[in-house]
Amino acid sequence: MMSCSAESLLHGEPMLGTATQVSSYLLVEHNGPWPRDAIAEAPMSPRVRTWLQEYSGTVLLIRRPDRPVGEVHAFDVHPDRIRAAKASTLDDLVDLPPTAWEHYLGSLYLVCTHGKRDACCAQFGRGVADSLSDRHPVETWEASHLGGHRFAANVLVLPDGLLYGRVRPDDVAAAVAGERPELVRGRCWIAAADQVREALGANEEVTVENAPFTPGRVSCRDTEPSEINILELRDRGIRR
């Protein structure tokens, strides 16, 4: 496995507008292992796999940093609410329709630690997950691939939908408290251009366009640089 450092990737690349837009999340506890394609290849029954693959939104596997053995947790997350369920096994969850799950009133903090997808997520993410779990043990989960491993460690706050990148253990508490706006990648519920406008307070008339960025390695596994585009404001019409 290739070693990863903060200097080895595109850590000068602007992050705004890089959160993948999703409609909803289904989070299902699975202690691993997580292969590269976690949903298609992780050990589970065919019945559970079919259930996950038929979900209309985005599915993530989650686990506690200490991976305790016990009831299996699941969350159905939409922009305006979270529903939660617990069951004895993954297969038992299939028989519980999300519409009947209980309302969850708190926040969830997801830290990508999907090392089989990209080594940086494990290297940077696990320390962040441990640090965040020390402060928020009930709300914190490791998660499978959130997208944008070049920005590891990535932290997603739900149901707000704010995704943070380049988070380190010492600044994760401030980041999820909204005190580190420079670490915001965007809000996952809205399109990339709207993520930029929202973060910068720009009105809808402001044009947001793709612009070239210096090529570089975007993954710990990369041996050659990749072409990268960023989103750029063409007009700074700031809403007052």
C-alpha atoms as a PDB file:
ATOM      1  CA  MET A   1       0.000   0.000   0.000  1.00  0.00           C
ATOM      2  CA  MET A   2       1.383   3.400  -0.972  1.00  0.00           C
ATOM      3  CA  SER A   3       2.077   5.826   1.839  1.00  0.00           C
ATOM      4  CA  CYS A   4       0.034   9.021   1.763  1.00  0.00           C
ATOM      5  CA  SER A   5       0.887  12.461   3.056  1.00  0.00           C
ATOM      6  CA  ALA A   6      -0.826  15.822   2.973  1.00  0.00           C
ATOM      7  CA  GLU A   7       1.708  16.997   0.390  1.00  0.00           C
ATOM      8  CA  SER A   8       1.219  13.996  -1.926  1.00  0.00           C
ATOM      9  CA  LEU A   9      -2.212  15.011  -3.220  1.00  0.00           C
ATOM     10  CA  LEU A  10      -3.845  18.188  -4.507  1.00  0.00           C
ATOM     11  CA  HIS A  11      -4.075  19.950  -1.171  1.00  0.00           C
ATOM     12  CA  GLY A  12      -4.031  23.344  -2.835  1.00  0.00           C
ATOM     13  CA  GLU A  13      -7.154  22.498  -4.808  1.00  0.00           C
ATOM     14  CA  PRO A  14     -10.272  24.470  -3.825  1.00  0.00           C
ATOM     15  CA  MET A  15     -12.881  22.174  -2.309  1.00  0.00           C
ATOM     16  CA  LEU A  16     -16.096  24.174  -2.676  1.00  0.00           C
ATOM     17  CA  GLY A  17     -18.663  22.478  -4.878  1.00  0.00           C
ATOM     18  CA  THR A  18     -17.128  18.993  -4.620  1.00  0.00           C
ATOM     19  CA  ALA A  19     -19.798  17.312  -2.473  1.00  0.00           C
ATOM     20  CA  THR A  20     -21.636  14.653  -4.474  1.00  0.00           C
ATOM     21  CA  GLN A  21     -25.305  15.589  -4.740  1.00  0.00           C
ATOM     22  CA  VAL A  22     -27.633  12.927  -3.316  1.00  0.00           C
ATOM     23  CA  SER A  23     -31.375  12.688  -2.699  1.00  0.00           C
ATOM     24  CA  SER A  24     -31.234  10.526   0.444  1.00  0.00           C
ATOM     25  CA  TYR A  25     -28.989   8.137   2.353  1.00  0.00           C
ATOM     26  CA  LEU A  26     -29.552   4.665   3.715  1.00  0.00           C
ATOM     27  CA  LEU A  27     -26.938   3.971   6.398  1.00  0.00           C
ATOM     28  CA  VAL A  28     -26.588   0.373   7.540  1.00  0.00           C
ATOM     29  CA  GLU A  29     -24.260  -0.872  10.258  1.00  0.00           C
ATOM     30  CA  HIS A  30     -21.772  -3.443   8.969  1.00  0.00           C
ATOM     31  CA  ASN A  31     -18.573  -4.119  10.893  1.00  0.00           C
ATOM     32  CA  GLY A  32     -16.670  -5.246   7.826  1.00  0.00           C
ATOM     33  CA  PRO A  33     -14.627  -6.113   5.996  1.00  0.00           C
ATOM     34  CA  TRP A  34     -15.455  -3.490   3.358  1.00  0.00           C
ATOM     35  CA  PRO A  35     -14.057  -4.452  -0.058  1.00  0.00           C
ATOM     36  CA  ARG A  36     -13.541  -1.783  -2.712  1.00  0.00           C
ATOM     37  CA  ASP A  37     -17.199  -2.019  -3.805  1.00  0.00           C
ATOM     38  CA  ALA A  38     -18.680  -2.292  -0.332  1.00  0.00           C
ATOM     39  CA  ILE A  39     -22.311  -2.857  -1.297  1.00  0.00           C
ATOM     40  CA  ALA A  40     -21.622  -5.391  -4.048  1.00  0.00           C
ATOM     41  CA  GLU A  41     -18.840  -7.335  -2.322  1.00  0.00           C
ATOM     42  CA  ALA A  42     -19.097  -7.046   1.486  1.00  0.00           C
ATOM     43  CA  PRO A  43     -20.174 -10.265   3.246  1.00  0.00           C
ATOM     44  CA  MET A  44     -23.968 -10.312   3.606  1.00  0.00           C
ATOM     45  CA  SER A  45     -26.865 -12.450   2.500  1.00  0.00           C
ATOM     46  CA  PRO A  46     -28.207 -12.097  -1.065  1.00  0.00           C
ATOM     47  CA  ARG A  47     -31.476 -10.886   0.447  1.00  0.00           C
ATOM     48  CA  VAL A  48     -29.782  -8.000   2.251  1.00  0.00           C
ATOM     49  CA  ARG A  49     -27.656  -7.110  -0.766  1.00  0.00           C
ATOM     50  CA  THR A  50     -30.704  -6.928  -3.014  1.00  0.00           C
ATOM     51  CA  TRP A  51     -32.477  -4.722  -0.465  1.00  0.00           C
ATOM     52  CA  LEU A  52     -29.554  -2.299  -0.382  1.00  0.00           C
ATOM     53  CA  GLN A  53     -29.116  -2.242  -4.142  1.00  0.00           C
ATOM     54  CA  GLU A  54     -32.804  -1.487  -4.681  1.00  0.00           C
ATOM     55  CA  TYR A  55     -32.754   1.573  -2.406  1.00  0.00           C
ATOM     56  CA  SER A  56     -33.612   4.676  -4.421  1.00  0.00           C
ATOM     57  CA  GLY A  57     -30.956   6.912  -2.844  1.00  0.00           C
ATOM     58  CA  THR A  58     -27.333   6.401  -1.804  1.00  0.00           C
ATOM     59  CA  VAL A  59     -26.351   3.500   0.443  1.00  0.00           C
ATOM     60  CA  LEU A  60     -23.422   3.672   2.869  1.00  0.00           C
ATOM     61  CA  LEU A  61     -22.143   1.039   5.237  1.00  0.00           C
ATOM     62  CA  ILE A  62     -21.328   2.385   8.690  1.00  0.00           C
ATOM     63  CA  ARG A  63     -19.604   1.062  11.807  1.00  0.00           C
ATOM     64  CA  ARG A  64     -18.502   2.284  15.212  1.00  0.00           C
ATOM     65  CA  PRO A  65     -14.772   3.017  15.540  1.00  0.00           C
ATOM     66  CA  ASP A  66     -14.545   0.263  18.190  1.00  0.00           C
ATOM     67  CA  ARG A  67     -16.824  -2.095  16.187  1.00  0.00           C
ATOM     68  CA  PRO A  68     -18.901  -3.511  19.076  1.00  0.00           C
ATOM     69  CA  VAL A  69     -20.972  -6.648  18.574  1.00  0.00           C
ATOM     70  CA  GLY A  70     -24.682  -6.183  19.245  1.00  0.00           C
ATOM     71  CA  GLU A  71     -27.794  -4.867  17.577  1.00  0.00           C
ATOM     72  CA  VAL A  72     -27.515  -3.628  13.998  1.00  0.00           C
ATOM     73  CA  HIS A  73     -28.345   0.068  13.511  1.00  0.00           C
ATOM     74  CA  ALA A  74     -29.729   1.673  10.369  1.00  0.00           C
ATOM     75  CA  PHE A  75     -30.738   5.207   9.381  1.00  0.00           C
ATOM     76  CA  ASP A  76     -32.862   6.526   6.528  1.00  0.00           C
ATOM     77  CA  VAL A  77     -31.724  10.130   6.009  1.00  0.00           C
ATOM     78  CA  HIS A  78     -33.451  12.874   4.028  1.00  0.00           C
ATOM     79  CA  PRO A  79     -32.799  16.635   4.051  1.00  0.00           C
ATOM     80  CA  ASP A  80     -35.620  17.272   6.498  1.00  0.00           C
ATOM     81  CA  ARG A  81     -35.427  14.251   8.809  1.00  0.00           C
ATOM     82  CA  ILE A  82     -33.771  11.035   9.924  1.00  0.00           C
ATOM     83  CA  ARG A  83     -35.498   7.767  10.753  1.00  0.00           C
ATOM     84  CA  ALA A  84     -33.662   5.075  12.728  1.00  0.00           C
ATOM     85  CA  ALA A  85     -34.058   1.362  13.346  1.00  0.00           C
ATOM     86  CA  LYS A  86     -32.320  -1.417  15.270  1.00  0.00           C
ATOM     87  CA  ALA A  87     -32.504  -5.146  14.657  1.00  0.00           C
ATOM     88  CA  SER A  88     -30.759  -8.296  15.783  1.00  0.00           C
ATOM     89  CA  THR A  89     -29.281  -8.972  12.341  1.00  0.00           C
ATOM     90  CA  LEU A  90     -28.962  -7.376   8.925  1.00  0.00           C
ATOM     91  CA  ASP A  91     -31.552  -9.785   7.574  1.00  0.00           C
ATOM     92  CA  ASP A  92     -34.045  -8.681  10.199  1.00  0.00           C
ATOM     93  CA  LEU A  93     -33.741  -5.085   8.979  1.00  0.00           C
ATOM     94  CA  VAL A  94     -35.119  -6.066   5.588  1.00  0.00           C
ATOM     95  CA  ASP A  95     -38.481  -6.782   7.202  1.00  0.00           C
ATOM     96  CA  LEU A  96     -38.688  -3.284   8.736  1.00  0.00           C
ATOM     97  CA  PRO A  97     -39.818  -0.693   6.136  1.00  0.00           C
ATOM     98  CA  PRO A  98     -38.074   2.688   6.701  1.00  0.00           C
ATOM     99  CA  THR A  99     -41.452   4.438   6.801  1.00  0.00           C
ATOM    100  CA  ALA A 100     -42.093   2.624  10.089  1.00  0.00           C
ATOM    101  CA  TRP A 101     -38.725   3.470  11.643  1.00  0.00           C
ATOM    102  CA  GLU A 102     -38.533   5.842  14.611  1.00  0.00           C
ATOM    103  CA  HIS A 103     -37.728   9.521  14.184  1.00  0.00           C
ATOM    104  CA  TYR A 104     -34.150  10.369  15.147  1.00  0.00           C
ATOM    105  CA  LEU A 105     -33.795  13.908  16.456  1.00  0.00           C
ATOM    106  CA  GLY A 106     -30.014  14.287  16.705  1.00  0.00           C
ATOM    107  CA  SER A 107     -27.172  14.668  14.240  1.00  0.00           C
ATOM    108  CA  LEU A 108     -24.983  11.983  12.684  1.00  0.00           C
ATOM    109  CA  TYR A 109     -21.268  12.439  12.020  1.00  0.00           C
ATOM    110  CA  LEU A 110     -19.854  10.172   9.320  1.00  0.00           C
ATOM    111  CA  VAL A 111     -16.103   9.858   8.734  1.00  0.00           C
ATOM    112  CA  CYS A 112     -14.965   8.020   5.617  1.00  0.00           C
ATOM    113  CA  THR A 113     -12.499   5.264   6.551  1.00  0.00           C
ATOM    114  CA  HIS A 114     -12.938   3.111   3.441  1.00  0.00           C
ATOM    115  CA  GLY A 115      -9.327   2.070   2.998  1.00  0.00           C
ATOM    116  CA  LYS A 116      -9.995  -0.537   0.304  1.00  0.00           C
ATOM    117  CA  ARG A 117     -11.451   2.252  -1.850  1.00  0.00           C
ATOM    118  CA  ASP A 118      -8.518   4.561  -1.176  1.00  0.00           C
ATOM    119  CA  ALA A 119      -5.693   4.268   1.352  1.00  0.00           C
ATOM    120  CA  CYS A 120      -5.900   7.962   2.316  1.00  0.00           C
ATOM    121  CA  CYS A 121      -9.401   7.486   3.711  1.00  0.00           C
ATOM    122  CA  ALA A 122      -8.139   4.937   6.214  1.00  0.00           C
ATOM    123  CA  GLN A 123      -4.884   6.724   6.990  1.00  0.00           C
ATOM    124  CA  PHE A 124      -6.448  10.122   7.651  1.00  0.00           C
ATOM    125  CA  GLY A 125      -9.989   9.072   8.529  1.00  0.00           C
ATOM    126  CA  ARG A 126      -9.476   6.725  11.445  1.00  0.00           C
ATOM    127  CA  GLY A 127      -7.766   9.269  13.666  1.00  0.00           C
ATOM    128  CA  VAL A 128     -10.516  11.775  12.907  1.00  0.00           C
ATOM    129  CA  ALA A 129     -13.209   9.196  13.686  1.00  0.00           C
ATOM    130  CA  ASP A 130     -11.559   8.396  17.020  1.00  0.00           C
ATOM    131  CA  SER A 131     -11.229  12.082  17.921  1.00  0.00           C
ATOM    132  CA  LEU A 132     -14.842  12.816  17.007  1.00  0.00           C
ATOM    133  CA  SER A 133     -16.094   9.703  18.798  1.00  0.00           C
ATOM    134  CA  ASP A 134     -14.399  10.847  21.996  1.00  0.00           C
ATOM    135  CA  ARG A 135     -16.664  13.924  21.918  1.00  0.00           C
ATOM    136  CA  HIS A 136     -19.782  12.458  20.299  1.00  0.00           C
ATOM    137  CA  PRO A 137     -19.756   8.684  20.917  1.00  0.00           C
ATOM    138  CA  VAL A 138     -23.411   8.111  20.023  1.00  0.00           C
ATOM    139  CA  GLU A 139     -23.481  10.264  16.884  1.00  0.00           C
ATOM    140  CA  THR A 140     -20.144   9.259  15.310  1.00  0.00           C
ATOM    141  CA  TRP A 141     -19.783   6.516  12.707  1.00  0.00           C
ATOM    142  CA  GLU A 142     -17.106   5.384  10.291  1.00  0.00           C
ATOM    143  CA  ALA A 143     -18.549   5.236   6.775  1.00  0.00           C
ATOM    144  CA  SER A 144     -17.829   3.678   3.431  1.00  0.00           C
ATOM    145  CA  HIS A 145     -16.899   5.836   0.447  1.00  0.00           C
ATOM    146  CA  LEU A 146     -18.221   9.414   0.651  1.00  0.00           C
ATOM    147  CA  GLY A 147     -16.526  10.554  -2.554  1.00  0.00           C
ATOM    148  CA  GLY A 148     -13.472  12.750  -3.066  1.00  0.00           C
ATOM    149  CA  HIS A 149     -10.788  10.708  -1.338  1.00  0.00           C
ATOM    150  CA  ARG A 150      -8.203  13.309  -2.368  1.00  0.00           C
ATOM    151  CA  PHE A 151      -9.793  15.497   0.329  1.00  0.00           C
ATOM    152  CA  ALA A 152      -9.385  12.912   3.119  1.00  0.00           C
ATOM    153  CA  ALA A 153     -10.300  12.964   5.871  1.00  0.00           C
ATOM    154  CA  ASN A 154     -13.891  13.599   4.813  1.00  0.00           C
ATOM    155  CA  VAL A 155     -16.601  14.212   7.423  1.00  0.00           C
ATOM    156  CA  LEU A 156     -20.333  14.367   6.600  1.00  0.00           C
ATOM    157  CA  VAL A 157     -22.817  15.901   9.038  1.00  0.00           C
ATOM    158  CA  LEU A 158     -26.423  14.753   8.692  1.00  0.00           C
ATOM    159  CA  PRO A 159     -29.175  15.756   8.252  1.00  0.00           C
ATOM    160  CA  ASP A 160     -27.581  19.162   7.489  1.00  0.00           C
ATOM    161  CA  GLY A 161     -25.736  17.546   4.601  1.00  0.00           C
ATOM    162  CA  LEU A 162     -22.535  19.568   5.037  1.00  0.00           C
ATOM    163  CA  LEU A 163     -19.445  17.709   3.872  1.00  0.00           C
ATOM    164  CA  TYR A 164     -16.026  18.747   5.182  1.00  0.00           C
ATOM    165  CA  GLY A 165     -12.647  17.839   3.701  1.00  0.00           C
ATOM    166  CA  ARG A 166      -8.980  17.813   4.763  1.00  0.00           C
ATOM    167  CA  VAL A 167     -10.143  17.438   8.358  1.00  0.00           C
ATOM    168  CA  ARG A 168      -7.546  16.484  10.971  1.00  0.00           C
ATOM    169  CA  PRO A 169      -8.112  15.143  14.495  1.00  0.00           C
ATOM    170  CA  ASP A 170      -7.227  18.454  16.137  1.00  0.00           C
ATOM    171  CA  ASP A 171      -9.761  20.482  14.143  1.00  0.00           C
ATOM    172  CA  VAL A 172     -12.654  18.060  13.683  1.00  0.00           C
ATOM    173  CA  ALA A 173     -14.635  19.390  16.671  1.00  0.00           C
ATOM    174  CA  ALA A 174     -14.437  22.950  15.368  1.00  0.00           C
ATOM    175  CA  ALA A 175     -15.284  21.809  11.836  1.00  0.00           C
ATOM    176  CA  VAL A 176     -18.544  20.056  12.740  1.00  0.00           C
ATOM    177  CA  ALA A 177     -19.459  22.998  14.974  1.00  0.00           C
ATOM    178  CA  GLY A 178     -19.342  25.232  11.878  1.00  0.00           C
ATOM    179  CA  GLU A 179     -16.230  27.099  12.989  1.00  0.00           C
ATOM    180  CA  ARG A 180     -13.966  26.064  10.083  1.00  0.00           C
ATOM    181  CA  PRO A 181     -15.724  27.270   6.902  1.00  0.00           C
ATOM    182  CA  GLU A 182     -12.529  26.835   4.879  1.00  0.00           C
ATOM    183  CA  LEU A 183     -12.963  23.058   5.273  1.00  0.00           C
ATOM    184  CA  VAL A 184     -16.465  22.982   3.750  1.00  0.00           C
ATOM    185  CA  ARG A 185     -16.738  21.027   0.485  1.00  0.00           C
ATOM    186  CA  GLY A 186     -20.439  21.742   0.072  1.00  0.00           C
ATOM    187  CA  ARG A 187     -23.940  20.645   1.038  1.00  0.00           C
ATOM    188  CA  CYS A 188     -24.728  17.238  -0.442  1.00  0.00           C
ATOM    189  CA  TRP A 189     -28.445  17.951  -0.937  1.00  0.00           C
ATOM    190  CA  ILE A 190     -27.869  20.620  -3.612  1.00  0.00           C
ATOM    191  CA  ALA A 191     -26.068  20.868  -6.951  1.00  0.00           C
ATOM    192  CA  ALA A 192     -22.367  21.748  -7.142  1.00  0.00           C
ATOM    193  CA  ALA A 193     -22.875  25.302  -8.409  1.00  0.00           C
ATOM    194  CA  ASP A 194     -25.415  25.975  -5.658  1.00  0.00           C
ATOM    195  CA  GLN A 195     -22.947  24.651  -3.080  1.00  0.00           C
ATOM    196  CA  VAL A 196     -20.499  27.365  -4.158  1.00  0.00           C
ATOM    197  CA  ARG A 197     -23.160  30.078  -4.146  1.00  0.00           C
ATOM    198  CA  GLU A 198     -24.420  29.061  -0.718  1.00  0.00           C
ATOM    199  CA  ALA A 199     -20.975  29.038   0.872  1.00  0.00           C
ATOM    200  CA  LEU A 200     -19.989  32.390  -0.598  1.00  0.00           C
ATOM    201  CA  GLY A 201     -23.352  34.096  -0.176  1.00  0.00           C
ATOM    202  CA  ALA A 202     -23.691  34.695  -3.911  1.00  0.00           C
ATOM    203  CA  ASN A 203     -27.081  35.210  -5.535  1.00  0.00           C
ATOM    204  CA  GLU A 204     -28.601  32.923  -8.152  1.00  0.00           C
ATOM    205  CA  GLU A 205     -27.591  35.195 -11.029  1.00  0.00           C
ATOM    206  CA  VAL A 206     -23.896  34.638 -10.354  1.00  0.00           C
ATOM    207  CA  THR A 207     -22.369  32.303 -12.947  1.00  0.00           C
ATOM    208  CA  VAL A 208     -20.445  29.297 -11.655  1.00  0.00           C
ATOM    209  CA  GLU A 209     -18.365  27.539 -14.318  1.00  0.00           C
ATOM    210  CA  ASN A 210     -15.818  24.754 -14.599  1.00  0.00           C
ATOM    211  CA  ALA A 211     -12.227  25.949 -14.786  1.00  0.00           C
ATOM    212  CA  PRO A 212      -9.008  23.923 -15.227  1.00  0.00           C
ATOM    213  CA  PHE A 213      -6.784  23.259 -12.233  1.00  0.00           C
ATOM    214  CA  THR A 214      -3.180  22.082 -12.017  1.00  0.00           C
ATOM    215  CA  PRO A 215      -2.995  18.311 -12.692  1.00  0.00           C
ATOM    216  CA  GLY A 216      -1.866  16.103  -9.829  1.00  0.00           C
ATOM    217  CA  ARG A 217      -2.389  12.809  -8.000  1.00  0.00           C
ATOM    218  CA  VAL A 218      -5.943  12.510  -6.730  1.00  0.00           C
ATOM    219  CA  SER A 219      -5.599   9.114  -5.028  1.00  0.00           C
ATOM    220  CA  CYS A 220      -3.003   7.291  -2.962  1.00  0.00           C
ATOM    221  CA  ARG A 221      -3.027   4.604  -5.641  1.00  0.00           C
ATOM    222  CA  ASP A 222      -2.340   6.989  -8.514  1.00  0.00           C
ATOM    223  CA  THR A 223       1.014   6.786 -10.240  1.00  0.00           C
ATOM    224  CA  GLU A 224       0.236   9.469 -12.838  1.00  0.00           C
ATOM    225  CA  PRO A 225      -1.349  12.937 -12.453  1.00  0.00           C
ATOM    226  CA  SER A 226      -4.967  13.517 -13.455  1.00  0.00           C
ATOM    227  CA  GLU A 227      -6.646  16.536 -15.024  1.00  0.00           C
ATOM    228  CA  ILE A 228      -8.835  18.319 -12.467  1.00  0.00           C
ATOM    229  CA  ASN A 229     -11.532  20.948 -12.964  1.00  0.00           C
ATOM    230  CA  ILE A 230     -12.725  23.285 -10.230  1.00  0.00           C
ATOM    231  CA  LEU A 231     -15.816  25.471  -9.972  1.00  0.00           C
ATOM    232  CA  GLU A 232     -15.153  29.175 -10.282  1.00  0.00           C
ATOM    233  CA  LEU A 233     -17.337  32.259  -9.823  1.00  0.00           C
ATOM    234  CA  ARG A 234     -17.326  34.442 -12.928  1.00  0.00           C
ATOM    235  CA  ASP A 235     -19.020  37.318 -11.162  1.00  0.00           C
ATOM    236  CA  ARG A 236     -18.853  38.243  -7.498  1.00  0.00           C
ATOM    237  CA  GLY A 237     -22.423  39.413  -7.078  1.00  0.00           C
ATOM    238  CA  ILE A 238     -22.601  39.015  -3.325  1.00  0.00           C
ATOM    239  CA  ARG A 239     -25.971  38.975  -1.609  1.00  0.00           C
ATOM    240  CA  ARG A 240     -26.126  41.626   1.142  1.00  0.00           C
END
